[in-house]
Amino acid sequence: MFGFSLGKLLVLAIILFVVLYGFKMVSRAGASQRATKHQSDGASRIDTEYDPETDSYVAKGSRKGSDKE
């Protein structure tokens, strides 16, 4: 009853393949959703650059004059 036969091993291999392939598809779908979410966050970011006069980071293009002497 619990012996190993070619048919049982083949069915087990097919089941394992389907389960592993299913996990692979689910993880890819999750990764693509995370990627699109990160791309939409890019519009709210501001590029900064280091200002040695004030010893801080400021928005790019706003270093026309500093208050620190």
C-alpha atoms as a PDB file:
ATOM      1  CA  MET A   1       0.000   0.000   0.000  1.00  0.00           C
ATOM      2  CA  PHE A   2       2.808   2.448   0.863  1.00  0.00           C
ATOM      3  CA  GLY A   3       5.284   1.101  -1.657  1.00  0.00           C
ATOM      4  CA  PHE A   4       7.071   3.282  -4.151  1.00  0.00           C
ATOM      5  CA  SER A   5       5.926   2.907  -7.703  1.00  0.00           C
ATOM      6  CA  LEU A   6       6.777   4.852 -10.807  1.00  0.00           C
ATOM      7  CA  GLY A   7       3.265   6.311 -10.969  1.00  0.00           C
ATOM      8  CA  LYS A   8       3.328   7.587  -7.391  1.00  0.00           C
ATOM      9  CA  LEU A   9       6.773   9.151  -7.820  1.00  0.00           C
ATOM     10  CA  LEU A  10       5.674  10.818 -11.056  1.00  0.00           C
ATOM     11  CA  VAL A  11       2.570  12.292  -9.406  1.00  0.00           C
ATOM     12  CA  LEU A  12       4.674  13.513  -6.484  1.00  0.00           C
ATOM     13  CA  ALA A  13       7.151  15.171  -8.851  1.00  0.00           C
ATOM     14  CA  ILE A  14       4.320  16.896 -10.739  1.00  0.00           C
ATOM     15  CA  ILE A  15       2.782  18.158  -7.497  1.00  0.00           C
ATOM     16  CA  LEU A  16       6.139  19.511  -6.293  1.00  0.00           C
ATOM     17  CA  PHE A  17       6.740  21.206  -9.654  1.00  0.00           C
ATOM     18  CA  VAL A  18       3.309  22.881  -9.596  1.00  0.00           C
ATOM     19  CA  VAL A  19       3.760  24.101  -6.016  1.00  0.00           C
ATOM     20  CA  LEU A  20       7.261  25.490  -6.614  1.00  0.00           C
ATOM     21  CA  TYR A  21       6.228  27.130  -9.897  1.00  0.00           C
ATOM     22  CA  GLY A  22       3.208  28.655  -8.126  1.00  0.00           C
ATOM     23  CA  PHE A  23       5.404  30.195  -5.423  1.00  0.00           C
ATOM     24  CA  LYS A  24       7.715  31.550  -8.120  1.00  0.00           C
ATOM     25  CA  MET A  25       4.801  33.235  -9.911  1.00  0.00           C
ATOM     26  CA  VAL A  26       3.452  34.716  -6.678  1.00  0.00           C
ATOM     27  CA  SER A  27       6.838  36.137  -5.697  1.00  0.00           C
ATOM     28  CA  ARG A  28       7.294  37.696  -9.162  1.00  0.00           C
ATOM     29  CA  ALA A  29       3.873  39.335  -8.951  1.00  0.00           C
ATOM     30  CA  GLY A  30       4.737  40.773  -5.536  1.00  0.00           C
ATOM     31  CA  ALA A  31       8.078  42.077  -6.782  1.00  0.00           C
ATOM     32  CA  SER A  32       6.497  43.834  -9.760  1.00  0.00           C
ATOM     33  CA  GLN A  33       3.905  45.479  -7.487  1.00  0.00           C
ATOM     34  CA  ARG A  34       6.671  46.710  -5.187  1.00  0.00           C
ATOM     35  CA  ALA A  35       8.626  48.047  -8.168  1.00  0.00           C
ATOM     36  CA  THR A  36       5.680  50.064  -9.473  1.00  0.00           C
ATOM     37  CA  LYS A  37       5.026  51.411  -5.994  1.00  0.00           C
ATOM     38  CA  HIS A  38       8.641  52.616  -5.685  1.00  0.00           C
ATOM     39  CA  GLN A  39       8.496  54.235  -9.112  1.00  0.00           C
ATOM     40  CA  SER A  40       5.451  56.276  -8.134  1.00  0.00           C
ATOM     41  CA  ASP A  41       7.218  57.485  -4.972  1.00  0.00           C
ATOM     42  CA  GLY A  42       9.946  59.084  -7.092  1.00  0.00           C
ATOM     43  CA  ALA A  43       7.861  62.186  -7.832  1.00  0.00           C
ATOM     44  CA  SER A  44       7.901  63.228  -4.179  1.00  0.00           C
ATOM     45  CA  ARG A  45      11.689  63.075  -3.807  1.00  0.00           C
ATOM     46  CA  ILE A  46      13.953  66.111  -3.876  1.00  0.00           C
ATOM     47  CA  ASP A  47      17.555  65.997  -5.092  1.00  0.00           C
ATOM     48  CA  THR A  48      19.994  67.428  -2.567  1.00  0.00           C
ATOM     49  CA  GLU A  49      23.632  68.426  -2.597  1.00  0.00           C
ATOM     50  CA  TYR A  50      26.143  69.173   0.118  1.00  0.00           C
ATOM     51  CA  ASP A  51      26.751  72.850   0.908  1.00  0.00           C
ATOM     52  CA  PRO A  52      30.162  73.194   2.617  1.00  0.00           C
ATOM     53  CA  GLU A  53      29.440  76.794   3.645  1.00  0.00           C
ATOM     54  CA  THR A  54      26.461  75.813   5.788  1.00  0.00           C
ATOM     55  CA  ASP A  55      27.727  72.282   6.502  1.00  0.00           C
ATOM     56  CA  SER A  56      24.363  70.806   5.506  1.00  0.00           C
ATOM     57  CA  TYR A  57      22.449  69.390   2.582  1.00  0.00           C
ATOM     58  CA  VAL A  58      20.223  71.704   0.562  1.00  0.00           C
ATOM     59  CA  ALA A  59      17.935  71.268  -2.443  1.00  0.00           C
ATOM     60  CA  LYS A  60      19.765  71.352  -5.765  1.00  0.00           C
ATOM     61  CA  GLY A  61      19.839  74.786  -7.332  1.00  0.00           C
ATOM     62  CA  SER A  62      19.032  76.650  -4.122  1.00  0.00           C
ATOM     63  CA  ARG A  63      22.661  77.391  -3.115  1.00  0.00           C
ATOM     64  CA  LYS A  64      22.701  80.919  -4.495  1.00  0.00           C
ATOM     65  CA  GLY A  65      23.595  82.518  -1.193  1.00  0.00           C
ATOM     66  CA  SER A  66      24.041  81.209   2.324  1.00  0.00           C
ATOM     67  CA  ASP A  67      23.406  82.947   5.630  1.00  0.00           C
ATOM     68  CA  LYS A  68      26.378  81.422   7.449  1.00  0.00           C
ATOM     69  CA  GLU A  69      29.638  83.372   7.420  1.00  0.00           C
END
